[in-house]
Amino acid sequence: MTNSISKIKSATSSVQNANDIKKSSDDFSSFLKESIKEVNKLQKEGDKAMSDIATGSVKDLHQAAIAIDKAELSMKLMLEVRNKALNAYKELSRTQM
């Protein structure tokens, strides 16, 4: 009887762990999607600021420079995160073989 109960508890905890993993992966994927959208928004703002500078229609040069810097830094950060994720994936694929 106690053996059956422990098997049920074990199965229940396995299902809960699978649900937790699913939830955390959904959270992570939604976080990545939102981050990419934010980087895209900053890139568009930086492009607009550069075109405003090029055409001479910029209202505030300081704000345009800040927008360009934000776009550059956000792209660099996104590339670093991508590189780290790729390196981690490669390392995991090497250990599984």
PDB file of N, CA and C in Angstrom:
ATOM      1  N   MET A   1       0.817  -1.187   0.000  1.00  0.00           N
ATOM      2  CA  MET A   1       0.000   0.000   0.000  1.00  0.00           C
ATOM      3  C   MET A   1       0.864   1.254   0.000  1.00  0.00           C
ATOM      4  N   THR A   2       1.866   1.311   0.863  1.00  0.00           N
ATOM      5  CA  THR A   2       2.733   2.492   0.908  1.00  0.00           C
ATOM      6  C   THR A   2       3.548   2.608  -0.370  1.00  0.00           C
ATOM      7  N   ASN A   3       3.884   1.449  -0.966  1.00  0.00           N
ATOM      8  CA  ASN A   3       4.621   1.471  -2.222  1.00  0.00           C
ATOM      9  C   ASN A   3       3.767   2.101  -3.324  1.00  0.00           C
ATOM     10  N   SER A   4       2.478   1.794  -3.370  1.00  0.00           N
ATOM     11  CA  SER A   4       1.548   2.358  -4.354  1.00  0.00           C
ATOM     12  C   SER A   4       1.405   3.858  -4.157  1.00  0.00           C
ATOM     13  N   ILE A   5       1.325   4.267  -2.900  1.00  0.00           N
ATOM     14  CA  ILE A   5       1.189   5.694  -2.595  1.00  0.00           C
ATOM     15  C   ILE A   5       2.441   6.442  -3.018  1.00  0.00           C
ATOM     16  N   SER A   6       3.600   5.874  -2.765  1.00  0.00           N
ATOM     17  CA  SER A   6       4.837   6.550  -3.158  1.00  0.00           C
ATOM     18  C   SER A   6       4.951   6.634  -4.677  1.00  0.00           C
ATOM     19  N   LYS A   7       4.459   5.620  -5.401  1.00  0.00           N
ATOM     20  CA  LYS A   7       4.467   5.667  -6.868  1.00  0.00           C
ATOM     21  C   LYS A   7       3.542   6.762  -7.377  1.00  0.00           C
ATOM     22  N   ILE A   8       2.387   6.906  -6.739  1.00  0.00           N
ATOM     23  CA  ILE A   8       1.438   7.948  -7.132  1.00  0.00           C
ATOM     24  C   ILE A   8       2.031   9.322  -6.854  1.00  0.00           C
ATOM     25  N   LYS A   9       2.658   9.477  -5.691  1.00  0.00           N
ATOM     26  CA  LYS A   9       3.286  10.758  -5.356  1.00  0.00           C
ATOM     27  C   LYS A   9       4.408  11.071  -6.342  1.00  0.00           C
ATOM     28  N   SER A  10       5.172  10.056  -6.700  1.00  0.00           N
ATOM     29  CA  SER A  10       6.260  10.243  -7.654  1.00  0.00           C
ATOM     30  C   SER A  10       5.729  10.660  -9.015  1.00  0.00           C
ATOM     31  N   ALA A  11       4.666  10.014  -9.474  1.00  0.00           N
ATOM     32  CA  ALA A  11       4.066  10.358 -10.765  1.00  0.00           C
ATOM     33  C   ALA A  11       3.482  11.768 -10.730  1.00  0.00           C
ATOM     34  N   THR A  12       2.850  12.106  -9.607  1.00  0.00           N
ATOM     35  CA  THR A  12       2.264  13.432  -9.470  1.00  0.00           C
ATOM     36  C   THR A  12       3.347  14.499  -9.493  1.00  0.00           C
ATOM     37  N   SER A  13       4.446  14.263  -8.789  1.00  0.00           N
ATOM     38  CA  SER A  13       5.520  15.252  -8.782  1.00  0.00           C
ATOM     39  C   SER A  13       6.171  15.360 -10.155  1.00  0.00           C
ATOM     40  N   SER A  14       6.228  14.267 -10.912  1.00  0.00           N
ATOM     41  CA  SER A  14       6.775  14.316 -12.270  1.00  0.00           C
ATOM     42  C   SER A  14       5.904  15.180 -13.173  1.00  0.00           C
ATOM     43  N   VAL A  15       4.586  15.044 -13.041  1.00  0.00           N
ATOM     44  CA  VAL A  15       3.660  15.862 -13.838  1.00  0.00           C
ATOM     45  C   VAL A  15       3.793  17.326 -13.447  1.00  0.00           C
ATOM     46  N   GLN A  16       3.912  17.605 -12.156  1.00  0.00           N
ATOM     47  CA  GLN A  16       4.065  18.988 -11.701  1.00  0.00           C
ATOM     48  C   GLN A  16       5.369  19.574 -12.207  1.00  0.00           C
ATOM     49  N   ASN A  17       6.453  18.793 -12.180  1.00  0.00           N
ATOM     50  CA  ASN A  17       7.734  19.272 -12.688  1.00  0.00           C
ATOM     51  C   ASN A  17       7.641  19.561 -14.179  1.00  0.00           C
ATOM     52  N   ALA A  18       6.962  18.703 -14.933  1.00  0.00           N
ATOM     53  CA  ALA A  18       6.787  18.929 -16.372  1.00  0.00           C
ATOM     54  C   ALA A  18       5.981  20.196 -16.613  1.00  0.00           C
ATOM     55  N   ASN A  19       4.950  20.425 -15.805  1.00  0.00           N
ATOM     56  CA  ASN A  19       4.154  21.650 -15.933  1.00  0.00           C
ATOM     57  C   ASN A  19       4.987  22.884 -15.601  1.00  0.00           C
ATOM     58  N   ASP A  20       5.822  22.786 -14.558  1.00  0.00           N
ATOM     59  CA  ASP A  20       6.694  23.906 -14.183  1.00  0.00           C
ATOM     60  C   ASP A  20       7.680  24.216 -15.302  1.00  0.00           C
ATOM     61  N   ILE A  21       8.240  23.176 -15.909  1.00  0.00           N
ATOM     62  CA  ILE A  21       9.184  23.372 -17.010  1.00  0.00           C
ATOM     63  C   ILE A  21       8.478  24.020 -18.189  1.00  0.00           C
ATOM     64  N   LYS A  22       7.280  23.561 -18.506  1.00  0.00           N
ATOM     65  CA  LYS A  22       6.502  24.132 -19.608  1.00  0.00           C
ATOM     66  C   LYS A  22       6.220  25.601 -19.339  1.00  0.00           C
ATOM     67  N   LYS A  23       5.816  25.916 -18.108  1.00  0.00           N
ATOM     68  CA  LYS A  23       5.507  27.302 -17.758  1.00  0.00           C
ATOM     69  C   LYS A  23       6.753  28.168 -17.851  1.00  0.00           C
ATOM     70  N   SER A  24       7.884  27.688 -17.328  1.00  0.00           N
ATOM     71  CA  SER A  24       9.100  28.484 -17.370  1.00  0.00           C
ATOM     72  C   SER A  24       9.601  28.662 -18.796  1.00  0.00           C
ATOM     73  N   SER A  25       9.416  27.641 -19.653  1.00  0.00           N
ATOM     74  CA  SER A  25       9.839  27.806 -21.046  1.00  0.00           C
ATOM     75  C   SER A  25       8.928  28.785 -21.759  1.00  0.00           C
ATOM     76  N   ASP A  26       7.625  28.787 -21.425  1.00  0.00           N
ATOM     77  CA  ASP A  26       6.711  29.778 -22.002  1.00  0.00           C
ATOM     78  C   ASP A  26       7.098  31.182 -21.540  1.00  0.00           C
ATOM     79  N   ASP A  27       7.439  31.321 -20.256  1.00  0.00           N
ATOM     80  CA  ASP A  27       7.862  32.614 -19.736  1.00  0.00           C
ATOM     81  C   ASP A  27       9.128  33.086 -20.443  1.00  0.00           C
ATOM     82  N   PHE A  28      10.077  32.177 -20.627  1.00  0.00           N
ATOM     83  CA  PHE A  28      11.336  32.533 -21.267  1.00  0.00           C
ATOM     84  C   PHE A  28      11.115  32.901 -22.722  1.00  0.00           C
ATOM     85  N   SER A  29      10.285  32.122 -23.424  1.00  0.00           N
ATOM     86  CA  SER A  29      10.044  32.430 -24.837  1.00  0.00           C
ATOM     87  C   SER A  29       9.302  33.752 -24.985  1.00  0.00           C
ATOM     88  N   SER A  30       8.350  34.028 -24.103  1.00  0.00           N
ATOM     89  CA  SER A  30       7.647  35.316 -24.184  1.00  0.00           C
ATOM     90  C   SER A  30       8.592  36.462 -23.836  1.00  0.00           C
ATOM     91  N   PHE A  31       9.508  36.224 -22.904  1.00  0.00           N
ATOM     92  CA  PHE A  31      10.515  37.240 -22.565  1.00  0.00           C
ATOM     93  C   PHE A  31      11.402  37.521 -23.772  1.00  0.00           C
ATOM     94  N   LEU A  32      11.835  36.472 -24.474  1.00  0.00           N
ATOM     95  CA  LEU A  32      12.665  36.665 -25.659  1.00  0.00           C
ATOM     96  C   LEU A  32      11.911  37.412 -26.749  1.00  0.00           C
ATOM     97  N   LYS A  33      10.662  37.049 -26.970  1.00  0.00           N
ATOM     98  CA  LYS A  33       9.861  37.736 -27.994  1.00  0.00           C
ATOM     99  C   LYS A  33       9.723  39.218 -27.674  1.00  0.00           C
ATOM    100  N   GLU A  34       9.422  39.531 -26.429  1.00  0.00           N
ATOM    101  CA  GLU A  34       9.277  40.931 -26.038  1.00  0.00           C
ATOM    102  C   GLU A  34      10.599  41.680 -26.162  1.00  0.00           C
ATOM    103  N   SER A  35      11.695  41.024 -25.826  1.00  0.00           N
ATOM    104  CA  SER A  35      13.007  41.656 -25.945  1.00  0.00           C
ATOM    105  C   SER A  35      13.342  41.951 -27.396  1.00  0.00           C
ATOM    106  N   ILE A  36      13.038  41.020 -28.278  1.00  0.00           N
ATOM    107  CA  ILE A  36      13.300  41.234 -29.702  1.00  0.00           C
ATOM    108  C   ILE A  36      12.431  42.364 -30.235  1.00  0.00           C
ATOM    109  N   LYS A  37      11.178  42.428 -29.799  1.00  0.00           N
ATOM    110  CA  LYS A  37      10.305  43.525 -30.217  1.00  0.00           C
ATOM    111  C   LYS A  37      10.864  44.871 -29.742  1.00  0.00           C
ATOM    112  N   GLU A  38      11.382  44.894 -28.520  1.00  0.00           N
ATOM    113  CA  GLU A  38      11.953  46.130 -27.977  1.00  0.00           C
ATOM    114  C   GLU A  38      13.195  46.544 -28.763  1.00  0.00           C
ATOM    115  N   VAL A  39      14.052  45.588 -29.100  1.00  0.00           N
ATOM    116  CA  VAL A  39      15.248  45.891 -29.895  1.00  0.00           C
ATOM    117  C   VAL A  39      14.830  46.416 -31.266  1.00  0.00           C
ATOM    118  N   ASN A  40      13.824  45.803 -31.862  1.00  0.00           N
ATOM    119  CA  ASN A  40      13.335  46.256 -33.162  1.00  0.00           C
ATOM    120  C   ASN A  40      12.814  47.692 -33.085  1.00  0.00           C
ATOM    121  N   LYS A  41      12.079  47.987 -32.015  1.00  0.00           N
ATOM    122  CA  LYS A  41      11.554  49.348 -31.833  1.00  0.00           C
ATOM    123  C   LYS A  41      12.697  50.352 -31.708  1.00  0.00           C
ATOM    124  N   LEU A  42      13.712  50.004 -30.926  1.00  0.00           N
ATOM    125  CA  LEU A  42      14.853  50.901 -30.759  1.00  0.00           C
ATOM    126  C   LEU A  42      15.623  51.076 -32.064  1.00  0.00           C
ATOM    127  N   GLN A  43      15.717  50.012 -32.865  1.00  0.00           N
ATOM    128  CA  GLN A  43      16.391  50.111 -34.160  1.00  0.00           C
ATOM    129  C   GLN A  43      15.636  51.060 -35.085  1.00  0.00           C
ATOM    130  N   LYS A  44      14.322  50.963 -35.097  1.00  0.00           N
ATOM    131  CA  LYS A  44      13.515  51.864 -35.927  1.00  0.00           C
ATOM    132  C   LYS A  44      13.675  53.312 -35.482  1.00  0.00           C
ATOM    133  N   GLU A  45      13.693  53.530 -34.181  1.00  0.00           N
ATOM    134  CA  GLU A  45      13.887  54.892 -33.666  1.00  0.00           C
ATOM    135  C   GLU A  45      15.274  55.414 -34.035  1.00  0.00           C
ATOM    136  N   GLY A  46      16.290  54.552 -33.942  1.00  0.00           N
ATOM    137  CA  GLY A  46      17.642  54.944 -34.328  1.00  0.00           C
ATOM    138  C   GLY A  46      17.746  55.256 -35.810  1.00  0.00           C
ATOM    139  N   ASP A  47      17.093  54.439 -36.635  1.00  0.00           N
ATOM    140  CA  ASP A  47      17.090  54.700 -38.082  1.00  0.00           C
ATOM    141  C   ASP A  47      16.404  56.019 -38.403  1.00  0.00           C
ATOM    142  N   LYS A  48      15.301  56.294 -37.729  1.00  0.00           N
ATOM    143  CA  LYS A  48      14.591  57.553 -37.952  1.00  0.00           C
ATOM    144  C   LYS A  48      15.460  58.725 -37.521  1.00  0.00           C
ATOM    145  N   ALA A  49      16.145  58.580 -36.398  1.00  0.00           N
ATOM    146  CA  ALA A  49      17.019  59.656 -35.923  1.00  0.00           C
ATOM    147  C   ALA A  49      18.154  59.897 -36.914  1.00  0.00           C
ATOM    148  N   MET A  50      18.726  58.820 -37.471  1.00  0.00           N
ATOM    149  CA  MET A  50      19.802  58.990 -38.453  1.00  0.00           C
ATOM    150  C   MET A  50      19.292  59.662 -39.724  1.00  0.00           C
ATOM    151  N   SER A  51      18.102  59.272 -40.161  1.00  0.00           N
ATOM    152  CA  SER A  51      17.564  59.910 -41.371  1.00  0.00           C
ATOM    153  C   SER A  51      17.211  61.364 -41.109  1.00  0.00           C
ATOM    154  N   ASP A  52      16.745  61.677 -39.903  1.00  0.00           N
ATOM    155  CA  ASP A  52      16.465  63.072 -39.548  1.00  0.00           C
ATOM    156  C   ASP A  52      17.750  63.899 -39.542  1.00  0.00           C
ATOM    157  N   ILE A  53      18.836  63.320 -39.051  1.00  0.00           N
ATOM    158  CA  ILE A  53      20.118  64.023 -39.042  1.00  0.00           C
ATOM    159  C   ILE A  53      20.593  64.234 -40.480  1.00  0.00           C
ATOM    160  N   ALA A  54      20.441  63.209 -41.305  1.00  0.00           N
ATOM    161  CA  ALA A  54      20.907  63.295 -42.689  1.00  0.00           C
ATOM    162  C   ALA A  54      20.121  64.326 -43.499  1.00  0.00           C
ATOM    163  N   THR A  55      18.831  64.433 -43.231  1.00  0.00           N
ATOM    164  CA  THR A  55      18.006  65.390 -43.980  1.00  0.00           C
ATOM    165  C   THR A  55      18.004  66.774 -43.350  1.00  0.00           C
ATOM    166  N   GLY A  56      18.541  66.898 -42.156  1.00  0.00           N
ATOM    167  CA  GLY A  56      18.584  68.192 -41.481  1.00  0.00           C
ATOM    168  C   GLY A  56      17.292  68.546 -40.779  1.00  0.00           C
ATOM    169  N   SER A  57      16.393  67.593 -40.644  1.00  0.00           N
ATOM    170  CA  SER A  57      15.114  67.882 -39.989  1.00  0.00           C
ATOM    171  C   SER A  57      15.104  67.490 -38.514  1.00  0.00           C
ATOM    172  N   VAL A  58      16.279  67.271 -37.951  1.00  0.00           N
ATOM    173  CA  VAL A  58      16.356  66.881 -36.548  1.00  0.00           C
ATOM    174  C   VAL A  58      16.026  68.084 -35.663  1.00  0.00           C
ATOM    175  N   LYS A  59      15.224  67.840 -34.650  1.00  0.00           N
ATOM    176  CA  LYS A  59      14.824  68.922 -33.736  1.00  0.00           C
ATOM    177  C   LYS A  59      15.800  69.042 -32.576  1.00  0.00           C
ATOM    178  N   ASP A  60      16.238  67.908 -32.073  1.00  0.00           N
ATOM    179  CA  ASP A  60      17.160  67.902 -30.941  1.00  0.00           C
ATOM    180  C   ASP A  60      18.274  66.905 -31.249  1.00  0.00           C
ATOM    181  N   LEU A  61      19.448  67.432 -31.540  1.00  0.00           N
ATOM    182  CA  LEU A  61      20.571  66.586 -31.926  1.00  0.00           C
ATOM    183  C   LEU A  61      20.972  65.639 -30.796  1.00  0.00           C
ATOM    184  N   HIS A  62      20.894  66.121 -29.582  1.00  0.00           N
ATOM    185  CA  HIS A  62      21.258  65.304 -28.420  1.00  0.00           C
ATOM    186  C   HIS A  62      20.335  64.083 -28.301  1.00  0.00           C
ATOM    187  N   GLN A  63      19.032  64.291 -28.440  1.00  0.00           N
ATOM    188  CA  GLN A  63      18.079  63.179 -28.350  1.00  0.00           C
ATOM    189  C   GLN A  63      18.273  62.192 -29.505  1.00  0.00           C
ATOM    190  N   ALA A  64      18.622  62.699 -30.683  1.00  0.00           N
ATOM    191  CA  ALA A  64      18.876  61.827 -31.828  1.00  0.00           C
ATOM    192  C   ALA A  64      20.101  60.958 -31.566  1.00  0.00           C
ATOM    193  N   ALA A  65      21.151  61.544 -30.998  1.00  0.00           N
ATOM    194  CA  ALA A  65      22.363  60.782 -30.682  1.00  0.00           C
ATOM    195  C   ALA A  65      22.072  59.720 -29.628  1.00  0.00           C
ATOM    196  N   ILE A  66      21.239  60.045 -28.663  1.00  0.00           N
ATOM    197  CA  ILE A  66      20.868  59.079 -27.626  1.00  0.00           C
ATOM    198  C   ILE A  66      20.087  57.922 -28.245  1.00  0.00           C
ATOM    199  N   ALA A  67      19.157  58.223 -29.147  1.00  0.00           N
ATOM    200  CA  ALA A  67      18.370  57.165 -29.803  1.00  0.00           C
ATOM    201  C   ALA A  67      19.271  56.241 -30.612  1.00  0.00           C
ATOM    202  N   ILE A  68      20.246  56.811 -31.304  1.00  0.00           N
ATOM    203  CA  ILE A  68      21.187  55.999 -32.092  1.00  0.00           C
ATOM    204  C   ILE A  68      22.025  55.128 -31.171  1.00  0.00           C
ATOM    205  N   ASP A  69      22.496  55.672 -30.061  1.00  0.00           N
ATOM    206  CA  ASP A  69      23.295  54.891 -29.106  1.00  0.00           C
ATOM    207  C   ASP A  69      22.481  53.771 -28.466  1.00  0.00           C
ATOM    208  N   LYS A  70      21.221  54.060 -28.131  1.00  0.00           N
ATOM    209  CA  LYS A  70      20.355  53.022 -27.557  1.00  0.00           C
ATOM    210  C   LYS A  70      20.180  51.871 -28.541  1.00  0.00           C
ATOM    211  N   ALA A  71      19.965  52.224 -29.809  1.00  0.00           N
ATOM    212  CA  ALA A  71      19.789  51.191 -30.836  1.00  0.00           C
ATOM    213  C   ALA A  71      21.053  50.351 -30.980  1.00  0.00           C
ATOM    214  N   GLU A  72      22.198  51.001 -30.977  1.00  0.00           N
ATOM    215  CA  GLU A  72      23.463  50.279 -31.111  1.00  0.00           C
ATOM    216  C   GLU A  72      23.715  49.359 -29.917  1.00  0.00           C
ATOM    217  N   LEU A  73      23.510  49.866 -28.728  1.00  0.00           N
ATOM    218  CA  LEU A  73      23.749  49.060 -27.528  1.00  0.00           C
ATOM    219  C   LEU A  73      22.775  47.897 -27.412  1.00  0.00           C
ATOM    220  N   SER A  74      21.511  48.135 -27.754  1.00  0.00           N
ATOM    221  CA  SER A  74      20.531  47.049 -27.670  1.00  0.00           C
ATOM    222  C   SER A  74      20.856  45.945 -28.675  1.00  0.00           C
ATOM    223  N   MET A  75      21.325  46.314 -29.865  1.00  0.00           N
ATOM    224  CA  MET A  75      21.708  45.311 -30.862  1.00  0.00           C
ATOM    225  C   MET A  75      22.930  44.525 -30.393  1.00  0.00           C
ATOM    226  N   LYS A  76      23.909  45.205 -29.822  1.00  0.00           N
ATOM    227  CA  LYS A  76      25.093  44.507 -29.306  1.00  0.00           C
ATOM    228  C   LYS A  76      24.709  43.528 -28.196  1.00  0.00           C
ATOM    229  N   LEU A  77      23.826  43.958 -27.300  1.00  0.00           N
ATOM    230  CA  LEU A  77      23.388  43.082 -26.216  1.00  0.00           C
ATOM    231  C   LEU A  77      22.649  41.872 -26.759  1.00  0.00           C
ATOM    232  N   MET A  78      21.762  42.096 -27.727  1.00  0.00           N
ATOM    233  CA  MET A  78      21.017  40.981 -28.311  1.00  0.00           C
ATOM    234  C   MET A  78      21.964  39.988 -28.993  1.00  0.00           C
ATOM    235  N   LEU A  79      22.976  40.500 -29.683  1.00  0.00           N
ATOM    236  CA  LEU A  79      23.942  39.612 -30.338  1.00  0.00           C
ATOM    237  C   LEU A  79      24.750  38.811 -29.316  1.00  0.00           C
ATOM    238  N   GLU A  80      25.102  39.430 -28.209  1.00  0.00           N
ATOM    239  CA  GLU A  80      25.836  38.711 -27.168  1.00  0.00           C
ATOM    240  C   GLU A  80      24.979  37.610 -26.543  1.00  0.00           C
ATOM    241  N   VAL A  81      23.706  37.915 -26.308  1.00  0.00           N
ATOM    242  CA  VAL A  81      22.801  36.902 -25.758  1.00  0.00           C
ATOM    243  C   VAL A  81      22.665  35.751 -26.748  1.00  0.00           C
ATOM    244  N   ARG A  82      22.519  36.080 -28.037  1.00  0.00           N
ATOM    245  CA  ARG A  82      22.427  35.038 -29.063  1.00  0.00           C
ATOM    246  C   ARG A  82      23.688  34.182 -29.080  1.00  0.00           C
ATOM    247  N   ASN A  83      24.854  34.824 -29.017  1.00  0.00           N
ATOM    248  CA  ASN A  83      26.113  34.077 -29.035  1.00  0.00           C
ATOM    249  C   ASN A  83      26.233  33.154 -27.826  1.00  0.00           C
ATOM    250  N   LYS A  84      25.834  33.643 -26.662  1.00  0.00           N
ATOM    251  CA  LYS A  84      25.884  32.809 -25.451  1.00  0.00           C
ATOM    252  C   LYS A  84      24.925  31.621 -25.566  1.00  0.00           C
ATOM    253  N   ALA A  85      23.745  31.870 -26.108  1.00  0.00           N
ATOM    254  CA  ALA A  85      22.771  30.778 -26.276  1.00  0.00           C
ATOM    255  C   ALA A  85      23.282  29.745 -27.270  1.00  0.00           C
ATOM    256  N   LEU A  86      23.882  30.187 -28.359  1.00  0.00           N
ATOM    257  CA  LEU A  86      24.440  29.249 -29.334  1.00  0.00           C
ATOM    258  C   LEU A  86      25.593  28.441 -28.748  1.00  0.00           C
ATOM    259  N   ASN A  87      26.437  29.107 -27.990  1.00  0.00           N
ATOM    260  CA  ASN A  87      27.551  28.388 -27.345  1.00  0.00           C
ATOM    261  C   ASN A  87      27.030  27.356 -26.351  1.00  0.00           C
ATOM    262  N   ALA A  88      26.008  27.711 -25.599  1.00  0.00           N
ATOM    263  CA  ALA A  88      25.427  26.759 -24.642  1.00  0.00           C
ATOM    264  C   ALA A  88      24.810  25.581 -25.377  1.00  0.00           C
ATOM    265  N   TYR A  89      24.113  25.847 -26.478  1.00  0.00           N
ATOM    266  CA  TYR A  89      23.514  24.769 -27.267  1.00  0.00           C
ATOM    267  C   TYR A  89      24.593  23.843 -27.825  1.00  0.00           C
ATOM    268  N   LYS A  90      25.656  24.415 -28.350  1.00  0.00           N
ATOM    269  CA  LYS A  90      26.752  23.599 -28.889  1.00  0.00           C
ATOM    270  C   LYS A  90      27.385  22.743 -27.808  1.00  0.00           C
ATOM    271  N   GLU A  91      27.562  23.333 -26.628  1.00  0.00           N
ATOM    272  CA  GLU A  91      28.153  22.589 -25.519  1.00  0.00           C
ATOM    273  C   GLU A  91      27.250  21.440 -25.085  1.00  0.00           C
ATOM    274  N   LEU A  92      25.950  21.687 -25.035  1.00  0.00           N
ATOM    275  CA  LEU A  92      25.012  20.628 -24.676  1.00  0.00           C
ATOM    276  C   LEU A  92      24.991  19.514 -25.732  1.00  0.00           C
ATOM    277  N   SER A  93      25.051  19.898 -26.991  1.00  0.00           N
ATOM    278  CA  SER A  93      25.019  18.870 -28.040  1.00  0.00           C
ATOM    279  C   SER A  93      26.296  18.043 -28.020  1.00  0.00           C
ATOM    280  N   ARG A  94      27.414  18.636 -27.619  1.00  0.00           N
ATOM    281  CA  ARG A  94      28.662  17.881 -27.507  1.00  0.00           C
ATOM    282  C   ARG A  94      28.608  16.885 -26.352  1.00  0.00           C
ATOM    283  N   THR A  95      27.973  17.253 -25.246  1.00  0.00           N
ATOM    284  CA  THR A  95      27.955  16.373 -24.079  1.00  0.00           C
ATOM    285  C   THR A  95      26.963  15.231 -24.238  1.00  0.00           C
ATOM    286  N   GLN A  96      25.954  15.388 -25.082  1.00  0.00           N
ATOM    287  CA  GLN A  96      24.947  14.355 -25.224  1.00  0.00           C
ATOM    288  C   GLN A  96      25.380  13.216 -26.143  1.00  0.00           C
ATOM    289  N   MET A  97      26.395  13.412 -26.926  1.00  0.00           N
ATOM    290  CA  MET A  97      26.824  12.375 -27.866  1.00  0.00           C
ATOM    291  C   MET A  97      27.671  11.349 -27.242  1.00  0.00           C
TER     292      MET A  97
END
